[in-house]
C-alpha cells in the first residue's frame, strides 16, 4: 500500500523519523531480490539498473533464495521504494512506465540514500520556488531536510535529485540553483558523487555489516 507505508517515490517522500541511511544497510553489501510474475518481461531492464550500481561499487544484487531480507520487485501505482534495508520481504514498486533510470533511482533509495534535495544543507545550494509547486505537493520538498551528506559536496546532477520543473503548477521552475549552469537532476546514470556516496556508505574497501538493521564496525 503506497499510501499506508513509509516509502520514497518520485512523487512522495515518507521516511520514519527515528531512522537514517547509515542505520539500514544491506548485510555484506548484497541485496537479494525477487521479481513478481507481472514484471518478468522487464527483467532485462531490472538487470540493467542493478548493473549501473554493481559496475561501480562493491554492492551486489542476487536472486533471492533463503535470505530473510530481500527486495520484492512488484507492479504498483508508481516507481517507489523504502529507504534502506527494513527486513523481510521489502517491496520496490516498478510500473510499466518506469524507465531503467527510474529503477536505478529507486534502487539507490533501497540501498539507503535519501533524495539529494533533502540534505540539511539544501538551502545553501538551491532555492525552492514554493509558489510554483502544485498545491498539495509542497511536502515533497519541505520538512524532510534530513538526508545524510556523508561529508560530500551537494550534487545537482545526482540521480536522486528532483528535476528543476518537478511538480510545477504553471510551467515555471520549482527549484533554482544558486550556482550558474549545470543540470539539475537526471535519470540516466549515477553521477560521480552518487558513486562516491554509495561506496562511502557501504565501506566498499572494508565493511562488516552483520544484519539488516545495524552495522558492526571494525
Protein backbone atom coordinates (compact mmCIF):
# COMPACT_ATOMS: atom_id res chain seq x y z
CA UNK A 1 0.00 0.00 0.00
CA UNK A 2 1.84 3.08 -1.21
CA UNK A 3 -0.19 5.43 0.98
CA UNK A 4 -0.16 3.38 4.15
CA UNK A 5 3.54 2.51 4.28
CA UNK A 6 6.52 4.79 4.67
CA UNK A 7 8.14 4.84 1.25
CA UNK A 8 10.10 7.08 -1.04
CA UNK A 9 8.78 7.56 -4.55
CA UNK A 10 9.24 10.09 -7.31
CA UNK A 11 6.10 11.90 -6.16
CA UNK A 12 6.07 11.33 -2.40
CA UNK A 13 8.52 11.03 0.49
CA UNK A 14 7.58 9.42 3.80
CA UNK A 15 10.53 8.42 5.96
CA UNK A 16 10.46 7.16 9.57
CA UNK A 17 11.65 9.92 11.89
CA UNK A 18 13.86 7.65 14.00
CA UNK A 19 15.95 6.10 11.23
CA UNK A 20 18.57 7.27 8.75
CA UNK A 21 20.60 5.81 5.92
CA UNK A 22 23.60 4.64 7.92
CA UNK A 23 21.43 2.52 10.21
CA UNK A 24 19.79 0.47 7.46
CA UNK A 25 22.43 -1.02 5.19
CA UNK A 26 22.12 -4.40 3.47
CA UNK A 27 24.29 -7.10 5.07
CA UNK A 28 27.65 -7.58 3.36
CA UNK A 29 26.56 -5.20 0.58
CA UNK A 30 24.48 -7.97 -1.01
CA UNK A 31 20.86 -7.31 -2.00
CA UNK A 32 18.75 -10.41 -2.70
CA UNK A 33 15.71 -9.78 -4.88
CA UNK A 34 12.74 -11.48 -6.49
CA UNK A 35 10.74 -10.21 -9.48
CA UNK A 36 6.97 -10.67 -9.44
CA UNK A 37 5.41 -12.51 -12.37
CA UNK A 38 3.73 -9.47 -13.90
CA UNK A 39 7.14 -7.82 -14.34
CA UNK A 40 9.00 -10.85 -15.71
CA UNK A 41 9.24 -9.22 -19.14
CA UNK A 42 11.08 -6.26 -17.55
CA UNK A 43 13.87 -8.43 -16.15
CA UNK A 44 16.43 -7.12 -18.70
CA UNK A 45 15.65 -3.55 -17.58
CA UNK A 46 15.90 -4.54 -13.92
CA UNK A 47 19.25 -6.23 -14.57
CA UNK A 48 20.46 -3.11 -16.40
CA UNK A 49 19.50 -0.84 -13.49
CA UNK A 50 21.27 -3.06 -10.96
CA UNK A 51 24.33 -3.27 -13.23
CA UNK A 52 24.58 0.54 -13.20
CA UNK A 53 25.25 0.21 -9.47
CA UNK A 54 27.25 -3.02 -9.27
CA UNK A 55 29.67 -1.92 -12.02
CA UNK A 56 30.94 0.99 -9.91
CA UNK A 57 30.56 -0.22 -6.30
CA UNK A 58 31.09 -3.32 -4.18
CA UNK A 59 27.30 -3.73 -3.93
CA UNK A 60 25.91 -6.92 -5.47
CA UNK A 61 22.37 -7.95 -6.39
CA UNK A 62 21.45 -11.63 -6.42
CA UNK A 63 18.33 -13.69 -6.95
CA UNK A 64 16.61 -14.43 -3.65
CA UNK A 65 16.97 -17.93 -2.23
CA UNK A 66 16.58 -18.36 1.52
CA UNK A 67 17.52 -14.88 2.77
CA UNK A 68 15.18 -13.34 5.33
CA UNK A 69 15.60 -9.82 3.95
CA UNK A 70 15.15 -9.17 0.24
CA UNK A 71 13.66 -6.80 -2.32
CA UNK A 72 10.35 -7.84 -3.81
CA UNK A 73 10.08 -6.00 -7.13
CA UNK A 74 6.40 -5.68 -7.98
CA UNK A 75 3.94 -3.64 -10.01
CA UNK A 76 2.32 -0.69 -8.26
CA UNK A 77 0.95 2.81 -8.74
CA UNK A 78 4.35 4.40 -9.28
CA UNK A 79 8.09 3.97 -9.01
CA UNK A 80 8.69 3.70 -5.27
CA UNK A 81 10.99 2.26 -2.62
CA UNK A 82 11.66 2.28 1.08
CA UNK A 83 14.91 3.90 2.19
CA UNK A 84 17.45 1.32 3.30
CA UNK A 85 17.02 -2.29 4.38
CA UNK A 86 13.91 -2.77 6.53
CA UNK A 87 13.93 -6.55 6.94
CA UNK A 88 11.64 -9.19 5.47
CA UNK A 89 10.12 -9.03 2.00
CA UNK A 90 10.63 -5.36 1.14
CA UNK A 91 8.55 -4.03 -1.77
CA UNK A 92 10.09 -1.97 -4.53
CA UNK A 93 7.37 -0.74 -6.87
CA UNK A 94 8.17 -0.63 -10.58
CA UNK A 95 5.34 0.16 -13.01
CA UNK A 96 5.26 -0.37 -16.75
CA UNK A 97 6.05 3.31 -17.33
CA UNK A 98 9.19 3.32 -15.17
CA UNK A 99 12.49 3.53 -17.05
CA UNK A 100 15.80 1.84 -16.26
CA UNK A 101 16.92 5.15 -14.77
CA UNK A 102 13.79 5.34 -12.60
CA UNK A 103 14.53 1.88 -11.23
CA UNK A 104 18.16 2.78 -10.56
CA UNK A 105 16.89 5.85 -8.67
CA UNK A 106 14.64 3.63 -6.52
CA UNK A 107 17.36 1.02 -6.00
CA UNK A 108 19.65 3.75 -4.67
CA UNK A 109 16.91 4.65 -2.16
CA UNK A 110 16.60 0.97 -1.20
CA UNK A 111 20.35 0.96 -0.58
CA UNK A 112 19.94 3.79 1.93
CA UNK A 113 20.31 7.15 0.18
CA UNK A 114 17.69 9.88 0.52
CA UNK A 115 16.84 12.42 -2.17
CA UNK A 116 19.76 14.81 -2.60
CA UNK A 117 17.49 17.85 -2.29
CA UNK A 118 16.52 16.78 1.26
CA UNK A 119 20.04 17.29 2.61
CA UNK A 120 20.34 19.52 5.66
CA UNK A 121 22.40 21.99 3.60
CA UNK A 122 19.90 22.09 0.72
CA UNK A 123 19.08 25.79 1.05
CA UNK A 124 22.73 26.74 0.61
CA UNK A 125 22.62 25.34 -2.92
CA UNK A 126 19.09 25.68 -4.30
CA UNK A 127 16.08 27.93 -3.87
CA UNK A 128 12.68 26.22 -3.74
CA UNK A 129 10.00 28.24 -5.56
CA UNK A 130 7.09 27.30 -3.31
CA UNK A 131 4.60 29.43 -5.24
CA UNK A 132 5.25 27.38 -8.42
CA UNK A 133 4.56 23.95 -6.88
CA UNK A 134 1.26 22.14 -7.44
CA UNK A 135 -0.94 22.68 -4.35
CA UNK A 136 -0.63 19.71 -2.02
CA UNK A 137 2.75 18.65 -3.42
CA UNK A 138 4.87 21.04 -1.36
CA UNK A 139 5.52 18.20 1.07
CA UNK A 140 7.84 16.65 -1.49
CA UNK A 141 10.37 19.44 -0.97
CA UNK A 142 9.52 20.60 2.55
CA UNK A 143 10.03 19.44 6.15
CA UNK A 144 12.24 16.50 5.22
CA UNK A 145 15.71 18.00 5.45
CA UNK A 146 17.47 15.01 6.93
CA UNK A 147 19.48 13.38 4.15
CA UNK A 148 22.99 12.44 5.29
CA UNK A 149 25.69 14.46 3.48
CA UNK A 150 28.38 11.78 4.08
CA UNK A 151 30.78 14.76 4.07
CA UNK A 152 30.49 15.02 0.29
CA UNK A 153 29.58 18.10 -1.77
CA UNK A 154 26.00 18.86 -2.78
CA UNK A 155 25.25 17.26 -6.15
CA UNK A 156 22.77 18.88 -8.53
CA UNK A 157 23.48 16.08 -11.01
CA UNK A 158 22.61 13.24 -8.62
CA UNK A 159 20.22 10.57 -9.86
CA UNK A 160 18.39 11.17 -6.56
CA UNK A 161 17.86 14.91 -7.18
CA UNK A 162 14.50 16.16 -8.44
CA UNK A 163 14.46 17.99 -11.74
CA UNK A 164 14.06 21.75 -11.97
CA UNK A 165 10.42 21.52 -13.06
CA UNK A 166 9.19 18.62 -10.88
CA UNK A 167 5.62 19.28 -9.63
CA UNK A 168 5.34 22.60 -11.43
CA UNK A 169 1.87 24.13 -11.36
CA UNK A 170 2.43 26.67 -14.11
CA UNK A 171 5.42 25.53 -16.15
CA UNK A 172 7.91 27.64 -14.23
CA UNK A 173 10.83 26.11 -12.28
CA UNK A 174 10.10 24.74 -8.81
CA UNK A 175 13.79 24.80 -7.86
CA UNK A 176 16.56 27.17 -8.87
CA UNK A 177 20.26 26.52 -8.50
CA UNK A 178 22.34 29.10 -6.64
CA UNK A 179 25.23 28.18 -8.95
CA UNK A 180 25.46 29.13 -12.60
CA UNK A 181 24.89 26.42 -15.21
CA UNK A 182 24.67 22.67 -14.80
CA UNK A 183 21.82 20.22 -14.97
CA UNK A 184 19.52 19.69 -12.01
CA UNK A 185 18.50 16.07 -11.60
CA UNK A 186 18.61 13.32 -14.23
CA UNK A 187 17.61 9.66 -14.57
CA UNK A 188 20.21 8.32 -16.98
CA UNK A 189 23.28 7.50 -14.89
CA UNK A 190 24.89 7.60 -11.47
CA UNK A 191 26.85 10.80 -11.03
CA UNK A 192 30.42 10.63 -9.78
CA UNK A 193 29.22 11.82 -6.38
CA UNK A 194 26.44 9.19 -6.36
CA UNK A 195 29.15 6.58 -6.86
CA UNK A 196 31.22 8.09 -4.06
CA UNK A 197 28.22 8.18 -1.75
CA UNK A 198 27.36 4.53 -2.27
CA UNK A 199 30.96 3.41 -1.84
CA UNK A 200 31.30 5.53 1.30
CA UNK A 201 28.00 4.32 2.72
CA UNK A 202 28.88 0.66 2.20
CA UNK A 203 32.54 0.93 3.25
CA UNK A 204 33.47 -0.69 -0.02
CA UNK A 205 37.14 -1.01 0.92
CA UNK A 206 36.37 -2.67 4.23
CA UNK A 207 32.97 -3.35 5.73
CA UNK A 208 31.38 -5.76 8.20
CA UNK A 209 27.63 -5.31 8.13
CA UNK A 210 26.20 -8.21 10.08
CA UNK A 211 22.47 -7.66 9.97
CA UNK A 212 19.85 -5.70 8.09
CA UNK A 213 19.03 -3.22 10.85
CA UNK A 214 22.51 -2.43 12.11
CA UNK A 215 26.23 -2.11 11.46
CA UNK A 216 29.14 -3.72 13.22
CA UNK A 217 32.25 -1.65 12.65
CA UNK A 218 35.82 -2.89 12.92
